[in-house]
Amino acid sequence: MDLKKLPAVFFASGSGNRPVREWLYSLDEEDRRLIGYDIATAEFAWPVGMPLCRSLGNGLWEIRSSIGNGRIARIIFAVVDEQMVLLHGFVKKTRKTPKPELDLALQRKTEITS
C-alpha cells in the first residue's frame, strides 16, 4: 500500500524530455538528496504549508529547498489527477521568483491540462 498522499511525477514534454529530472541530474549528489527529501516530505504529508510549500497562484505550487553553499532551489509543481506534477526546477538567485520561471511552469501546466 502506497502511503503517499500526493505522488510526484515528472512533467514530460511532447518529445519525452523530463526537464526537472534532467535539471536534478545536473546538480551534485548532496543537492539532489536535499531536494528529493523535500519532495518526499510533500508527497507523504500533503497538504504542506510554509516553510516547505507555498501557493504561487494559477494552480502552481513551489517546494522550497535549502541546498549547499547557502543556495535556494525551487521546484514548481501542479496538482493534476491527484499527482504532484513537477513542472520546473531552478536555483533561485533573486528574492522574488522571476516571471520567466513562472511562465515556463504555467506553459507546461497548460500542456498537460488542456
N, C-alpha and C. Protein backbone atom coordinates (compact mmCIF):
# COMPACT_ATOMS: atom_id res chain seq x y z
N MET A 1 0.84 -1.19 0.00
CA MET A 1 0.00 0.00 0.00
C MET A 1 0.88 1.24 0.00
N ASP A 2 0.59 2.17 -0.90
CA ASP A 2 1.36 3.39 -1.00
C ASP A 2 0.81 4.42 -0.02
N LEU A 3 1.66 4.93 0.84
CA LEU A 3 1.23 5.91 1.83
C LEU A 3 1.36 7.35 1.35
N LYS A 4 1.81 7.52 0.10
CA LYS A 4 1.95 8.86 -0.43
C LYS A 4 0.56 9.45 -0.64
N LYS A 5 0.37 10.65 -0.12
CA LYS A 5 -0.91 11.33 -0.30
C LYS A 5 -0.97 12.01 -1.67
N LEU A 6 0.19 12.40 -2.17
CA LEU A 6 0.27 13.10 -3.45
C LEU A 6 1.55 12.67 -4.16
N PRO A 7 1.53 11.53 -4.88
CA PRO A 7 2.75 11.04 -5.51
C PRO A 7 3.28 12.00 -6.57
N ALA A 8 4.61 12.16 -6.59
CA ALA A 8 5.25 13.05 -7.55
C ALA A 8 5.56 12.31 -8.84
N VAL A 9 5.33 13.01 -9.96
CA VAL A 9 5.71 12.51 -11.28
C VAL A 9 6.37 13.67 -12.02
N PHE A 10 7.29 13.33 -12.92
CA PHE A 10 7.97 14.36 -13.70
C PHE A 10 7.11 14.75 -14.90
N PHE A 11 7.02 16.05 -15.16
CA PHE A 11 6.41 16.53 -16.40
C PHE A 11 7.24 15.99 -17.56
N ALA A 12 6.58 15.52 -18.59
CA ALA A 12 7.27 15.06 -19.81
C ALA A 12 6.78 15.89 -20.98
N SER A 13 7.72 16.44 -21.74
CA SER A 13 7.36 17.23 -22.92
C SER A 13 6.85 16.30 -24.00
N GLY A 14 6.34 16.89 -25.06
CA GLY A 14 5.83 16.10 -26.19
C GLY A 14 6.90 15.19 -26.77
N SER A 15 8.17 15.59 -26.69
CA SER A 15 9.27 14.77 -27.23
C SER A 15 9.79 13.77 -26.21
N GLY A 16 9.17 13.77 -25.00
CA GLY A 16 9.57 12.80 -23.99
C GLY A 16 10.62 13.28 -23.01
N ASN A 17 11.11 14.52 -23.19
CA ASN A 17 12.08 15.06 -22.24
C ASN A 17 11.42 15.30 -20.89
N ARG A 18 12.16 15.09 -19.84
CA ARG A 18 11.70 15.37 -18.47
C ARG A 18 12.63 16.43 -17.89
N PRO A 19 12.31 17.71 -18.13
CA PRO A 19 13.24 18.79 -17.78
C PRO A 19 13.61 18.87 -16.30
N VAL A 20 12.68 18.58 -15.39
CA VAL A 20 13.01 18.66 -13.96
C VAL A 20 13.99 17.54 -13.61
N ARG A 21 13.74 16.36 -14.15
CA ARG A 21 14.65 15.24 -13.89
C ARG A 21 16.05 15.55 -14.42
N GLU A 22 16.12 16.11 -15.63
CA GLU A 22 17.41 16.48 -16.21
C GLU A 22 18.11 17.54 -15.37
N TRP A 23 17.34 18.52 -14.89
CA TRP A 23 17.90 19.57 -14.04
C TRP A 23 18.45 18.97 -12.74
N LEU A 24 17.67 18.07 -12.13
CA LEU A 24 18.13 17.44 -10.89
C LEU A 24 19.45 16.70 -11.12
N TYR A 25 19.56 15.98 -12.23
CA TYR A 25 20.80 15.25 -12.53
C TYR A 25 21.98 16.19 -12.78
N SER A 26 21.71 17.45 -13.11
CA SER A 26 22.80 18.41 -13.32
C SER A 26 23.37 18.92 -11.99
N LEU A 27 22.65 18.70 -10.90
CA LEU A 27 23.09 19.14 -9.58
C LEU A 27 23.99 18.09 -8.94
N ASP A 28 24.74 18.50 -7.92
CA ASP A 28 25.58 17.50 -7.26
C ASP A 28 24.72 16.61 -6.37
N GLU A 29 25.31 15.51 -5.94
CA GLU A 29 24.55 14.47 -5.24
C GLU A 29 23.90 14.99 -3.95
N GLU A 30 24.61 15.82 -3.20
CA GLU A 30 24.05 16.33 -1.95
C GLU A 30 22.84 17.23 -2.21
N ASP A 31 22.93 18.11 -3.22
CA ASP A 31 21.79 18.97 -3.56
C ASP A 31 20.59 18.13 -3.98
N ARG A 32 20.83 17.10 -4.80
CA ARG A 32 19.74 16.20 -5.23
C ARG A 32 19.09 15.53 -4.04
N ARG A 33 19.91 15.10 -3.08
CA ARG A 33 19.39 14.41 -1.89
C ARG A 33 18.49 15.36 -1.09
N LEU A 34 18.94 16.59 -0.89
CA LEU A 34 18.15 17.56 -0.11
C LEU A 34 16.82 17.87 -0.80
N ILE A 35 16.86 18.10 -2.10
CA ILE A 35 15.64 18.40 -2.85
C ILE A 35 14.72 17.18 -2.85
N GLY A 36 15.28 16.01 -3.05
CA GLY A 36 14.49 14.77 -3.04
C GLY A 36 13.80 14.55 -1.71
N TYR A 37 14.49 14.86 -0.63
CA TYR A 37 13.90 14.72 0.70
C TYR A 37 12.69 15.66 0.83
N ASP A 38 12.84 16.89 0.34
CA ASP A 38 11.73 17.85 0.43
C ASP A 38 10.55 17.42 -0.43
N ILE A 39 10.82 16.88 -1.62
CA ILE A 39 9.74 16.38 -2.47
C ILE A 39 9.02 15.24 -1.76
N ALA A 40 9.79 14.32 -1.17
CA ALA A 40 9.19 13.19 -0.46
C ALA A 40 8.34 13.66 0.72
N THR A 41 8.82 14.66 1.45
CA THR A 41 8.04 15.21 2.57
C THR A 41 6.69 15.71 2.07
N ALA A 42 6.69 16.43 0.95
CA ALA A 42 5.43 16.93 0.40
C ALA A 42 4.54 15.77 -0.07
N GLU A 43 5.12 14.74 -0.66
CA GLU A 43 4.34 13.59 -1.13
C GLU A 43 3.60 12.91 0.03
N PHE A 44 4.29 12.71 1.13
CA PHE A 44 3.71 11.96 2.25
C PHE A 44 2.86 12.80 3.19
N ALA A 45 3.12 14.12 3.25
CA ALA A 45 2.45 14.96 4.24
C ALA A 45 1.47 15.96 3.64
N TRP A 46 1.21 15.84 2.34
CA TRP A 46 0.34 16.82 1.66
C TRP A 46 -1.02 16.89 2.32
N PRO A 47 -1.63 18.07 2.51
CA PRO A 47 -1.10 19.38 2.14
C PRO A 47 -0.09 19.91 3.17
N VAL A 48 0.96 20.52 2.67
CA VAL A 48 2.03 21.07 3.50
C VAL A 48 2.10 22.56 3.24
N GLY A 49 2.23 23.33 4.30
CA GLY A 49 2.35 24.78 4.14
C GLY A 49 3.79 25.24 4.27
N MET A 50 3.92 26.50 4.59
CA MET A 50 5.23 27.10 4.77
C MET A 50 5.90 26.44 5.97
N PRO A 51 7.21 26.33 5.99
CA PRO A 51 8.14 26.92 5.03
C PRO A 51 8.44 26.02 3.82
N LEU A 52 7.88 24.79 3.76
CA LEU A 52 8.24 23.87 2.67
C LEU A 52 7.51 24.18 1.37
N CYS A 53 6.20 24.40 1.44
CA CYS A 53 5.40 24.61 0.22
C CYS A 53 4.64 25.92 0.31
N ARG A 54 4.44 26.51 -0.86
CA ARG A 54 3.69 27.75 -0.93
C ARG A 54 2.97 27.81 -2.26
N SER A 55 1.74 28.34 -2.22
CA SER A 55 0.99 28.52 -3.45
C SER A 55 1.54 29.72 -4.21
N LEU A 56 1.66 29.56 -5.53
CA LEU A 56 2.11 30.66 -6.39
C LEU A 56 0.95 31.24 -7.19
N GLY A 57 -0.26 30.69 -7.01
CA GLY A 57 -1.40 31.13 -7.79
C GLY A 57 -1.48 30.36 -9.10
N ASN A 58 -2.59 30.48 -9.78
CA ASN A 58 -2.83 29.81 -11.07
C ASN A 58 -2.65 28.30 -10.99
N GLY A 59 -2.89 27.71 -9.81
CA GLY A 59 -2.76 26.26 -9.67
C GLY A 59 -1.33 25.78 -9.53
N LEU A 60 -0.39 26.72 -9.38
CA LEU A 60 1.02 26.35 -9.22
C LEU A 60 1.42 26.43 -7.75
N TRP A 61 2.30 25.53 -7.36
CA TRP A 61 2.86 25.47 -6.01
C TRP A 61 4.37 25.38 -6.13
N GLU A 62 5.07 25.76 -5.07
CA GLU A 62 6.51 25.58 -5.08
C GLU A 62 6.94 24.79 -3.86
N ILE A 63 7.95 23.96 -4.07
CA ILE A 63 8.67 23.31 -2.97
C ILE A 63 9.94 24.11 -2.78
N ARG A 64 10.17 24.53 -1.55
CA ARG A 64 11.29 25.41 -1.24
C ARG A 64 12.38 24.61 -0.53
N SER A 65 13.53 24.50 -1.17
CA SER A 65 14.63 23.70 -0.62
C SER A 65 15.87 24.57 -0.40
N SER A 66 16.49 24.38 0.75
CA SER A 66 17.80 24.99 1.01
C SER A 66 18.85 23.97 0.64
N ILE A 67 19.74 24.36 -0.28
CA ILE A 67 20.79 23.43 -0.72
C ILE A 67 22.15 24.01 -0.35
N GLY A 68 23.21 23.35 -0.75
CA GLY A 68 24.56 23.72 -0.34
C GLY A 68 24.97 25.14 -0.66
N ASN A 69 25.94 25.62 0.09
CA ASN A 69 26.54 26.95 -0.10
C ASN A 69 25.53 28.09 0.02
N GLY A 70 24.51 27.90 0.89
CA GLY A 70 23.53 28.96 1.13
C GLY A 70 22.59 29.22 -0.03
N ARG A 71 22.54 28.30 -0.99
CA ARG A 71 21.67 28.50 -2.15
C ARG A 71 20.27 27.97 -1.86
N ILE A 72 19.33 28.44 -2.68
CA ILE A 72 17.93 28.05 -2.53
C ILE A 72 17.45 27.49 -3.86
N ALA A 73 16.82 26.32 -3.81
CA ALA A 73 16.26 25.73 -5.03
C ALA A 73 14.74 25.73 -4.92
N ARG A 74 14.10 25.80 -6.06
CA ARG A 74 12.64 25.75 -6.12
C ARG A 74 12.22 24.72 -7.16
N ILE A 75 11.21 23.95 -6.79
CA ILE A 75 10.54 23.06 -7.74
C ILE A 75 9.11 23.58 -7.83
N ILE A 76 8.68 23.93 -9.03
CA ILE A 76 7.31 24.38 -9.22
C ILE A 76 6.50 23.19 -9.72
N PHE A 77 5.34 22.97 -9.07
CA PHE A 77 4.52 21.84 -9.45
C PHE A 77 3.05 22.23 -9.49
N ALA A 78 2.25 21.35 -10.10
CA ALA A 78 0.79 21.49 -10.12
C ALA A 78 0.21 20.16 -9.67
N VAL A 79 -0.96 20.22 -9.06
CA VAL A 79 -1.66 19.00 -8.68
C VAL A 79 -2.63 18.66 -9.81
N VAL A 80 -2.38 17.52 -10.46
CA VAL A 80 -3.19 17.08 -11.60
C VAL A 80 -3.52 15.61 -11.39
N ASP A 81 -4.81 15.29 -11.40
CA ASP A 81 -5.26 13.90 -11.23
C ASP A 81 -4.64 13.26 -9.99
N GLU A 82 -4.67 13.99 -8.89
CA GLU A 82 -4.17 13.52 -7.59
C GLU A 82 -2.69 13.15 -7.63
N GLN A 83 -1.93 13.84 -8.48
CA GLN A 83 -0.48 13.68 -8.53
C GLN A 83 0.18 15.05 -8.49
N MET A 84 1.38 15.08 -7.94
CA MET A 84 2.21 16.28 -7.95
C MET A 84 3.06 16.21 -9.22
N VAL A 85 2.73 17.03 -10.20
CA VAL A 85 3.48 17.03 -11.46
C VAL A 85 4.57 18.08 -11.35
N LEU A 86 5.83 17.61 -11.34
CA LEU A 86 6.98 18.51 -11.20
C LEU A 86 7.24 19.17 -12.54
N LEU A 87 6.92 20.47 -12.61
CA LEU A 87 6.93 21.19 -13.89
C LEU A 87 8.26 21.87 -14.19
N HIS A 88 8.90 22.43 -13.16
CA HIS A 88 10.10 23.24 -13.41
C HIS A 88 10.93 23.30 -12.14
N GLY A 89 12.24 23.29 -12.31
CA GLY A 89 13.14 23.43 -11.17
C GLY A 89 14.24 24.41 -11.50
N PHE A 90 14.68 25.18 -10.50
CA PHE A 90 15.75 26.14 -10.71
C PHE A 90 16.36 26.53 -9.38
N VAL A 91 17.58 27.07 -9.45
CA VAL A 91 18.23 27.63 -8.27
C VAL A 91 17.88 29.11 -8.26
N LYS A 92 17.31 29.54 -7.15
CA LYS A 92 16.79 30.91 -7.04
C LYS A 92 17.94 31.88 -6.75
N LYS A 93 17.99 32.95 -7.50
CA LYS A 93 19.06 33.93 -7.34
C LYS A 93 18.53 35.30 -6.89
N THR A 94 17.22 35.47 -6.92
CA THR A 94 16.63 36.75 -6.52
C THR A 94 15.57 36.48 -5.46
N ARG A 95 15.17 37.53 -4.76
CA ARG A 95 14.18 37.37 -3.69
C ARG A 95 12.83 36.90 -4.23
N LYS A 96 12.43 37.51 -5.35
CA LYS A 96 11.14 37.17 -5.96
C LYS A 96 11.36 36.13 -7.06
N THR A 97 10.42 35.20 -7.20
CA THR A 97 10.52 34.21 -8.27
C THR A 97 10.41 34.94 -9.61
N PRO A 98 11.43 34.81 -10.47
CA PRO A 98 11.41 35.53 -11.75
C PRO A 98 10.22 35.10 -12.61
N LYS A 99 9.63 36.10 -13.29
CA LYS A 99 8.46 35.84 -14.14
C LYS A 99 8.73 34.77 -15.20
N PRO A 100 9.90 34.76 -15.87
CA PRO A 100 10.12 33.70 -16.87
C PRO A 100 10.06 32.29 -16.29
N GLU A 101 10.48 32.12 -15.03
CA GLU A 101 10.41 30.80 -14.39
C GLU A 101 8.93 30.40 -14.18
N LEU A 102 8.13 31.35 -13.71
CA LEU A 102 6.69 31.09 -13.51
C LEU A 102 5.99 30.83 -14.84
N ASP A 103 6.33 31.64 -15.85
CA ASP A 103 5.70 31.49 -17.17
C ASP A 103 5.98 30.11 -17.76
N LEU A 104 7.23 29.63 -17.61
CA LEU A 104 7.58 28.32 -18.15
C LEU A 104 6.78 27.23 -17.45
N ALA A 105 6.68 27.31 -16.12
CA ALA A 105 5.91 26.31 -15.37
C ALA A 105 4.44 26.35 -15.78
N LEU A 106 3.89 27.54 -15.96
CA LEU A 106 2.48 27.68 -16.35
C LEU A 106 2.26 27.12 -17.75
N GLN A 107 3.20 27.36 -18.64
CA GLN A 107 3.10 26.82 -20.01
C GLN A 107 3.08 25.31 -19.97
N ARG A 108 3.96 24.71 -19.16
CA ARG A 108 4.00 23.25 -19.05
C ARG A 108 2.72 22.71 -18.42
N LYS A 109 2.18 23.43 -17.44
CA LYS A 109 0.92 23.01 -16.81
C LYS A 109 -0.19 23.00 -17.86
N THR A 110 -0.23 24.04 -18.69
CA THR A 110 -1.24 24.13 -19.73
C THR A 110 -1.13 22.95 -20.71
N GLU A 111 0.12 22.54 -21.01
CA GLU A 111 0.32 21.40 -21.92
C GLU A 111 -0.33 20.13 -21.39
N ILE A 112 -0.34 19.93 -20.09
CA ILE A 112 -0.86 18.66 -19.54
C ILE A 112 -2.31 18.74 -19.10
N THR A 113 -2.86 19.94 -19.05
CA THR A 113 -4.25 20.06 -18.59
C THR A 113 -5.21 20.46 -19.69
N SER A 114 -4.69 20.74 -20.88
CA SER A 114 -5.61 21.16 -21.95
C SER A 114 -5.80 20.08 -22.98
